[in-house]
């Protein structure tokens, strides 16, 4: 069996922030469970799709600002 865990950028066992330490501990625990393979994915950016909008105004503004770059990247990468 293969296990995939979506963690997050900034995960670090020695971080001063608790969320980063908890995610790092979880990644370590998943690797030790004995799966054939285990992968931790650390996305640095997730762009919402299908009309989903963030609750914070600055985040909606950021998504609007980056949308042309995301579309260009998708076209260039063939995704």
PDB file of N, CA and C in Angstrom:
ATOM      1  N   UNK A   1       0.838  -1.170   0.000  1.00  0.00           N
ATOM      2  CA  UNK A   1       0.000   0.000   0.000  1.00  0.00           C
ATOM      3  C   UNK A   1       0.892   1.245   0.000  1.00  0.00           C
ATOM      4  N   UNK A   2       0.468   2.266  -0.723  1.00  0.00           N
ATOM      5  CA  UNK A   2       1.182   3.535  -0.794  1.00  0.00           C
ATOM      6  C   UNK A   2       0.347   4.598  -0.088  1.00  0.00           C
ATOM      7  N   UNK A   3       0.991   5.442   0.716  1.00  0.00           N
ATOM      8  CA  UNK A   3       0.301   6.496   1.458  1.00  0.00           C
ATOM      9  C   UNK A   3       0.818   7.847   1.003  1.00  0.00           C
ATOM     10  N   UNK A   4      -0.090   8.766   0.721  1.00  0.00           N
ATOM     11  CA  UNK A   4       0.288  10.133   0.350  1.00  0.00           C
ATOM     12  C   UNK A   4      -0.309  11.085   1.372  1.00  0.00           C
ATOM     13  N   UNK A   5       0.530  11.950   1.917  1.00  0.00           N
ATOM     14  CA  UNK A   5       0.111  12.920   2.930  1.00  0.00           C
ATOM     15  C   UNK A   5       0.374  14.318   2.404  1.00  0.00           C
ATOM     16  N   UNK A   6      -0.663  15.152   2.371  1.00  0.00           N
ATOM     17  CA  UNK A   6      -0.486  16.534   1.924  1.00  0.00           C
ATOM     18  C   UNK A   6      -0.206  17.370   3.149  1.00  0.00           C
ATOM     19  N   UNK A   7       1.007  17.828   3.239  1.00  0.00           N
ATOM     20  CA  UNK A   7       1.468  18.605   4.379  1.00  0.00           C
ATOM     21  C   UNK A   7       1.418  20.073   4.005  1.00  0.00           C
ATOM     22  N   UNK A   8       2.500  20.785   4.145  1.00  0.00           N
ATOM     23  CA  UNK A   8       2.518  22.198   3.785  1.00  0.00           C
ATOM     24  C   UNK A   8       3.920  22.755   3.778  1.00  0.00           C
ATOM     25  N   UNK A   9       4.119  23.782   2.979  1.00  0.00           N
ATOM     26  CA  UNK A   9       5.416  24.431   2.928  1.00  0.00           C
ATOM     27  C   UNK A   9       5.703  25.059   4.287  1.00  0.00           C
ATOM     28  N   UNK A  10       6.934  24.972   4.735  1.00  0.00           N
ATOM     29  CA  UNK A  10       7.323  25.534   6.027  1.00  0.00           C
ATOM     30  C   UNK A  10       7.314  24.520   7.153  1.00  0.00           C
ATOM     31  N   UNK A  11       6.993  23.271   6.856  1.00  0.00           N
ATOM     32  CA  UNK A  11       6.986  22.227   7.872  1.00  0.00           C
ATOM     33  C   UNK A  11       8.406  21.980   8.362  1.00  0.00           C
ATOM     34  N   UNK A  12       8.605  22.045   9.688  1.00  0.00           N
ATOM     35  CA  UNK A  12       9.948  21.901  10.243  1.00  0.00           C
ATOM     36  C   UNK A  12       9.850  21.459  11.701  1.00  0.00           C
ATOM     37  N   UNK A  13      10.562  20.385  12.052  1.00  0.00           N
ATOM     38  CA  UNK A  13      10.522  19.856  13.408  1.00  0.00           C
ATOM     39  C   UNK A  13      11.137  20.806  14.426  1.00  0.00           C
ATOM     40  N   UNK A  14      11.976  21.729  13.984  1.00  0.00           N
ATOM     41  CA  UNK A  14      12.648  22.648  14.906  1.00  0.00           C
ATOM     42  C   UNK A  14      12.051  24.056  14.865  1.00  0.00           C
ATOM     43  N   UNK A  15      10.898  24.188  14.266  1.00  0.00           N
ATOM     44  CA  UNK A  15      10.260  25.499  14.134  1.00  0.00           C
ATOM     45  C   UNK A  15       9.754  26.004  15.480  1.00  0.00           C
ATOM     46  N   UNK A  16       9.637  27.314  15.596  1.00  0.00           N
ATOM     47  CA  UNK A  16       9.052  27.911  16.799  1.00  0.00           C
ATOM     48  C   UNK A  16       7.529  27.865  16.741  1.00  0.00           C
ATOM     49  N   UNK A  17       6.986  27.629  15.542  1.00  0.00           N
ATOM     50  CA  UNK A  17       5.545  27.578  15.375  1.00  0.00           C
ATOM     51  C   UNK A  17       5.042  26.152  15.548  1.00  0.00           C
ATOM     52  N   UNK A  18       4.030  25.998  16.384  1.00  0.00           N
ATOM     53  CA  UNK A  18       3.537  24.664  16.721  1.00  0.00           C
ATOM     54  C   UNK A  18       3.002  23.911  15.503  1.00  0.00           C
ATOM     55  N   UNK A  19       2.264  24.591  14.607  1.00  0.00           N
ATOM     56  CA  UNK A  19       1.693  23.895  13.454  1.00  0.00           C
ATOM     57  C   UNK A  19       2.778  23.258  12.605  1.00  0.00           C
ATOM     58  N   UNK A  20       3.926  23.915  12.469  1.00  0.00           N
ATOM     59  CA  UNK A  20       5.020  23.376  11.659  1.00  0.00           C
ATOM     60  C   UNK A  20       5.625  22.141  12.328  1.00  0.00           C
ATOM     61  N   UNK A  21       5.720  22.168  13.651  1.00  0.00           N
ATOM     62  CA  UNK A  21       6.265  21.002  14.371  1.00  0.00           C
ATOM     63  C   UNK A  21       5.304  19.820  14.309  1.00  0.00           C
ATOM     64  N   UNK A  22       3.999  20.082  14.446  1.00  0.00           N
ATOM     65  CA  UNK A  22       3.000  19.006  14.396  1.00  0.00           C
ATOM     66  C   UNK A  22       3.001  18.349  13.019  1.00  0.00           C
ATOM     67  N   UNK A  23       3.061  19.150  11.955  1.00  0.00           N
ATOM     68  CA  UNK A  23       3.103  18.577  10.610  1.00  0.00           C
ATOM     69  C   UNK A  23       4.370  17.747  10.401  1.00  0.00           C
ATOM     70  N   UNK A  24       5.506  18.230  10.918  1.00  0.00           N
ATOM     71  CA  UNK A  24       6.755  17.480  10.791  1.00  0.00           C
ATOM     72  C   UNK A  24       6.666  16.160  11.549  1.00  0.00           C
ATOM     73  N   UNK A  25       6.079  16.178  12.753  1.00  0.00           N
ATOM     74  CA  UNK A  25       5.906  14.940  13.515  1.00  0.00           C
ATOM     75  C   UNK A  25       4.993  13.966  12.779  1.00  0.00           C
ATOM     76  N   UNK A  26       3.950  14.487  12.146  1.00  0.00           N
ATOM     77  CA  UNK A  26       3.033  13.639  11.386  1.00  0.00           C
ATOM     78  C   UNK A  26       3.731  13.009  10.197  1.00  0.00           C
ATOM     79  N   UNK A  27       4.545  13.804   9.482  1.00  0.00           N
ATOM     80  CA  UNK A  27       5.296  13.259   8.352  1.00  0.00           C
ATOM     81  C   UNK A  27       6.214  12.132   8.800  1.00  0.00           C
ATOM     82  N   UNK A  28       6.897  12.323   9.912  1.00  0.00           N
ATOM     83  CA  UNK A  28       7.799  11.295  10.435  1.00  0.00           C
ATOM     84  C   UNK A  28       7.025  10.040  10.818  1.00  0.00           C
ATOM     85  N   UNK A  29       5.869  10.211  11.450  1.00  0.00           N
ATOM     86  CA  UNK A  29       5.049   9.063  11.856  1.00  0.00           C
ATOM     87  C   UNK A  29       4.543   8.287  10.642  1.00  0.00           C
ATOM     88  N   UNK A  30       4.120   9.003   9.600  1.00  0.00           N
ATOM     89  CA  UNK A  30       3.625   8.338   8.383  1.00  0.00           C
ATOM     90  C   UNK A  30       4.737   7.501   7.756  1.00  0.00           C
ATOM     91  N   UNK A  31       5.948   8.038   7.715  1.00  0.00           N
ATOM     92  CA  UNK A  31       7.064   7.293   7.134  1.00  0.00           C
ATOM     93  C   UNK A  31       7.388   6.033   7.936  1.00  0.00           C
ATOM     94  N   UNK A  32       7.098   6.047   9.220  1.00  0.00           N
ATOM     95  CA  UNK A  32       7.408   4.903  10.074  1.00  0.00           C
ATOM     96  C   UNK A  32       6.301   3.867  10.187  1.00  0.00           C
ATOM     97  N   UNK A  33       5.198   4.031   9.477  1.00  0.00           N
ATOM     98  CA  UNK A  33       4.068   3.110   9.591  1.00  0.00           C
ATOM     99  C   UNK A  33       4.234   1.801   8.813  1.00  0.00           C
ATOM    100  N   UNK A  34       5.235   1.707   7.976  1.00  0.00           N
ATOM    101  CA  UNK A  34       5.490   0.459   7.274  1.00  0.00           C
ATOM    102  C   UNK A  34       4.801   0.311   5.931  1.00  0.00           C
ATOM    103  N   UNK A  35       4.361   1.414   5.349  1.00  0.00           N
ATOM    104  CA  UNK A  35       3.804   1.348   4.005  1.00  0.00           C
ATOM    105  C   UNK A  35       4.909   1.010   3.014  1.00  0.00           C
ATOM    106  N   UNK A  36       4.513   0.433   1.878  1.00  0.00           N
ATOM    107  CA  UNK A  36       5.492   0.142   0.837  1.00  0.00           C
ATOM    108  C   UNK A  36       6.201   1.415   0.420  1.00  0.00           C
ATOM    109  N   UNK A  37       5.421   2.468   0.199  1.00  0.00           N
ATOM    110  CA  UNK A  37       5.943   3.802  -0.094  1.00  0.00           C
ATOM    111  C   UNK A  37       5.081   4.815   0.630  1.00  0.00           C
ATOM    112  N   UNK A  38       5.688   5.931   1.028  1.00  0.00           N
ATOM    113  CA  UNK A  38       4.948   7.028   1.638  1.00  0.00           C
ATOM    114  C   UNK A  38       5.526   8.324   1.094  1.00  0.00           C
ATOM    115  N   UNK A  39       4.640   9.229   0.734  1.00  0.00           N
ATOM    116  CA  UNK A  39       5.064  10.501   0.154  1.00  0.00           C
ATOM    117  C   UNK A  39       4.425  11.651   0.920  1.00  0.00           C
ATOM    118  N   UNK A  40       5.220  12.667   1.182  1.00  0.00           N
ATOM    119  CA  UNK A  40       4.697  13.901   1.749  1.00  0.00           C
ATOM    120  C   UNK A  40       4.738  14.960   0.663  1.00  0.00           C
ATOM    121  N   UNK A  41       3.598  15.557   0.386  1.00  0.00           N
ATOM    122  CA  UNK A  41       3.521  16.605  -0.620  1.00  0.00           C
ATOM    123  C   UNK A  41       3.419  17.941   0.114  1.00  0.00           C
ATOM    124  N   UNK A  42       4.256  18.885  -0.277  1.00  0.00           N
ATOM    125  CA  UNK A  42       4.283  20.196   0.377  1.00  0.00           C
ATOM    126  C   UNK A  42       3.999  21.296  -0.636  1.00  0.00           C
ATOM    127  N   UNK A  43       2.732  21.499  -0.961  1.00  0.00           N
ATOM    128  CA  UNK A  43       2.425  22.559  -1.919  1.00  0.00           C
ATOM    129  C   UNK A  43       2.715  23.932  -1.324  1.00  0.00           C
ATOM    130  N   UNK A  44       3.303  24.788  -2.139  1.00  0.00           N
ATOM    131  CA  UNK A  44       3.582  26.144  -1.702  1.00  0.00           C
ATOM    132  C   UNK A  44       2.459  27.093  -2.059  1.00  0.00           C
ATOM    133  N   UNK A  45       1.588  26.688  -2.984  1.00  0.00           N
ATOM    134  CA  UNK A  45       0.492  27.539  -3.423  1.00  0.00           C
ATOM    135  C   UNK A  45      -0.607  26.652  -3.989  1.00  0.00           C
ATOM    136  N   UNK A  46      -1.833  26.927  -3.584  1.00  0.00           N
ATOM    137  CA  UNK A  46      -2.985  26.214  -4.122  1.00  0.00           C
ATOM    138  C   UNK A  46      -3.945  27.262  -4.652  1.00  0.00           C
ATOM    139  N   UNK A  47      -4.242  27.198  -5.928  1.00  0.00           N
ATOM    140  CA  UNK A  47      -5.128  28.177  -6.555  1.00  0.00           C
ATOM    141  C   UNK A  47      -6.539  27.616  -6.593  1.00  0.00           C
ATOM    142  N   UNK A  48      -7.519  28.324  -6.014  1.00  0.00           N
ATOM    143  CA  UNK A  48      -8.895  27.818  -6.004  1.00  0.00           C
ATOM    144  C   UNK A  48      -9.496  27.784  -7.404  1.00  0.00           C
ATOM    145  N   UNK A  49     -10.392  26.856  -7.621  1.00  0.00           N
ATOM    146  CA  UNK A  49     -11.034  26.709  -8.933  1.00  0.00           C
ATOM    147  C   UNK A  49     -12.545  26.631  -8.757  1.00  0.00           C
ATOM    148  N   UNK A  50     -13.247  26.733  -9.844  1.00  0.00           N
ATOM    149  CA  UNK A  50     -14.687  26.528  -9.847  1.00  0.00           C
ATOM    150  C   UNK A  50     -15.478  27.575  -9.093  1.00  0.00           C
ATOM    151  N   UNK A  51     -15.030  28.828  -9.120  1.00  0.00           N
ATOM    152  CA  UNK A  51     -15.785  29.894  -8.471  1.00  0.00           C
ATOM    153  C   UNK A  51     -15.615  29.987  -6.970  1.00  0.00           C
ATOM    154  N   UNK A  52     -14.720  29.193  -6.399  1.00  0.00           N
ATOM    155  CA  UNK A  52     -14.473  29.260  -4.957  1.00  0.00           C
ATOM    156  C   UNK A  52     -13.695  30.532  -4.661  1.00  0.00           C
ATOM    157  N   UNK A  53     -14.114  31.260  -3.648  1.00  0.00           N
ATOM    158  CA  UNK A  53     -13.454  32.513  -3.285  1.00  0.00           C
ATOM    159  C   UNK A  53     -13.035  32.462  -1.821  1.00  0.00           C
ATOM    160  N   UNK A  54     -11.902  33.083  -1.520  1.00  0.00           N
ATOM    161  CA  UNK A  54     -11.426  33.148  -0.147  1.00  0.00           C
ATOM    162  C   UNK A  54     -12.265  34.100   0.688  1.00  0.00           C
ATOM    163  N   UNK A  55     -12.225  33.938   1.992  1.00  0.00           N
ATOM    164  CA  UNK A  55     -12.989  34.795   2.883  1.00  0.00           C
ATOM    165  C   UNK A  55     -12.313  36.145   3.105  1.00  0.00           C
ATOM    166  N   UNK A  56     -11.009  36.192   2.936  1.00  0.00           N
ATOM    167  CA  UNK A  56     -10.279  37.429   3.184  1.00  0.00           C
ATOM    168  C   UNK A  56     -10.118  38.222   1.894  1.00  0.00           C
ATOM    169  N   UNK A  57     -10.399  39.500   1.987  1.00  0.00           N
ATOM    170  CA  UNK A  57     -10.355  40.377   0.818  1.00  0.00           C
ATOM    171  C   UNK A  57      -8.969  40.397   0.185  1.00  0.00           C
ATOM    172  N   UNK A  58      -7.909  40.467   0.995  1.00  0.00           N
ATOM    173  CA  UNK A  58      -6.553  40.537   0.442  1.00  0.00           C
ATOM    174  C   UNK A  58      -6.201  39.255  -0.307  1.00  0.00           C
ATOM    175  N   UNK A  59      -6.754  38.124   0.142  1.00  0.00           N
ATOM    176  CA  UNK A  59      -6.474  36.856  -0.525  1.00  0.00           C
ATOM    177  C   UNK A  59      -7.188  36.789  -1.876  1.00  0.00           C
ATOM    178  N   UNK A  60      -8.436  37.267  -1.923  1.00  0.00           N
ATOM    179  CA  UNK A  60      -9.152  37.322  -3.203  1.00  0.00           C
ATOM    180  C   UNK A  60      -8.411  38.233  -4.182  1.00  0.00           C
ATOM    181  N   UNK A  61      -7.873  39.344  -3.691  1.00  0.00           N
ATOM    182  CA  UNK A  61      -7.102  40.272  -4.517  1.00  0.00           C
ATOM    183  C   UNK A  61      -5.844  39.586  -5.047  1.00  0.00           C
ATOM    184  N   UNK A  62      -5.168  38.822  -4.174  1.00  0.00           N
ATOM    185  CA  UNK A  62      -3.952  38.113  -4.577  1.00  0.00           C
ATOM    186  C   UNK A  62      -4.256  37.071  -5.651  1.00  0.00           C
ATOM    187  N   UNK A  63      -5.345  36.331  -5.485  1.00  0.00           N
ATOM    188  CA  UNK A  63      -5.731  35.341  -6.495  1.00  0.00           C
ATOM    189  C   UNK A  63      -6.019  36.005  -7.835  1.00  0.00           C
ATOM    190  N   UNK A  64      -6.714  37.122  -7.787  1.00  0.00           N
ATOM    191  CA  UNK A  64      -7.007  37.856  -9.018  1.00  0.00           C
ATOM    192  C   UNK A  64      -5.749  38.361  -9.702  1.00  0.00           C
ATOM    193  N   UNK A  65      -4.792  38.784  -8.900  1.00  0.00           N
ATOM    194  CA  UNK A  65      -3.527  39.283  -9.432  1.00  0.00           C
ATOM    195  C   UNK A  65      -2.689  38.169 -10.058  1.00  0.00           C
ATOM    196  N   UNK A  66      -2.706  36.993  -9.472  1.00  0.00           N
ATOM    197  CA  UNK A  66      -1.878  35.887  -9.961  1.00  0.00           C
ATOM    198  C   UNK A  66      -2.559  35.033 -11.026  1.00  0.00           C
ATOM    199  N   UNK A  67      -3.861  35.208 -11.239  1.00  0.00           N
ATOM    200  CA  UNK A  67      -4.605  34.369 -12.195  1.00  0.00           C
ATOM    201  C   UNK A  67      -3.988  34.348 -13.591  1.00  0.00           C
ATOM    202  N   UNK A  68      -3.585  35.500 -14.177  1.00  0.00           N
ATOM    203  CA  UNK A  68      -2.984  35.433 -15.512  1.00  0.00           C
ATOM    204  C   UNK A  68      -1.691  34.609 -15.548  1.00  0.00           C
ATOM    205  N   UNK A  69      -0.909  34.673 -14.480  1.00  0.00           N
ATOM    206  CA  UNK A  69       0.334  33.905 -14.427  1.00  0.00           C
ATOM    207  C   UNK A  69       0.055  32.405 -14.312  1.00  0.00           C
ATOM    208  N   UNK A  70      -0.948  32.061 -13.524  1.00  0.00           N
ATOM    209  CA  UNK A  70      -1.319  30.653 -13.362  1.00  0.00           C
ATOM    210  C   UNK A  70      -1.811  30.090 -14.690  1.00  0.00           C
ATOM    211  N   UNK A  71      -2.651  30.842 -15.386  1.00  0.00           N
ATOM    212  CA  UNK A  71      -3.158  30.382 -16.685  1.00  0.00           C
ATOM    213  C   UNK A  71      -2.028  30.222 -17.697  1.00  0.00           C
ATOM    214  N   UNK A  72      -1.100  31.174 -17.710  1.00  0.00           N
ATOM    215  CA  UNK A  72       0.053  31.075 -18.618  1.00  0.00           C
ATOM    216  C   UNK A  72       0.893  29.851 -18.300  1.00  0.00           C
ATOM    217  N   UNK A  73       1.116  29.610 -17.013  1.00  0.00           N
ATOM    218  CA  UNK A  73       1.903  28.450 -16.598  1.00  0.00           C
ATOM    219  C   UNK A  73       1.218  27.150 -17.025  1.00  0.00           C
ATOM    220  N   UNK A  74      -0.106  27.081 -16.861  1.00  0.00           N
ATOM    221  CA  UNK A  74      -0.839  25.887 -17.258  1.00  0.00           C
ATOM    222  C   UNK A  74      -0.708  25.631 -18.759  1.00  0.00           C
ATOM    223  N   UNK A  75      -0.815  26.693 -19.547  1.00  0.00           N
ATOM    224  CA  UNK A  75      -0.698  26.536 -21.001  1.00  0.00           C
ATOM    225  C   UNK A  75       0.692  26.092 -21.409  1.00  0.00           C
ATOM    226  N   UNK A  76       1.709  26.667 -20.783  1.00  0.00           N
ATOM    227  CA  UNK A  76       3.087  26.308 -21.112  1.00  0.00           C
ATOM    228  C   UNK A  76       3.432  24.892 -20.676  1.00  0.00           C
ATOM    229  N   UNK A  77       2.885  24.464 -19.552  1.00  0.00           N
ATOM    230  CA  UNK A  77       3.223  23.145 -19.025  1.00  0.00           C
ATOM    231  C   UNK A  77       2.366  22.038 -19.623  1.00  0.00           C
ATOM    232  N   UNK A  78       1.271  22.415 -20.295  1.00  0.00           N
ATOM    233  CA  UNK A  78       0.398  21.415 -20.896  1.00  0.00           C
ATOM    234  C   UNK A  78      -0.545  20.783 -19.888  1.00  0.00           C
ATOM    235  N   UNK A  79      -0.677  21.388 -18.711  1.00  0.00           N
ATOM    236  CA  UNK A  79      -1.556  20.840 -17.672  1.00  0.00           C
ATOM    237  C   UNK A  79      -3.008  21.173 -17.937  1.00  0.00           C
TER     238      UNK A  79
END
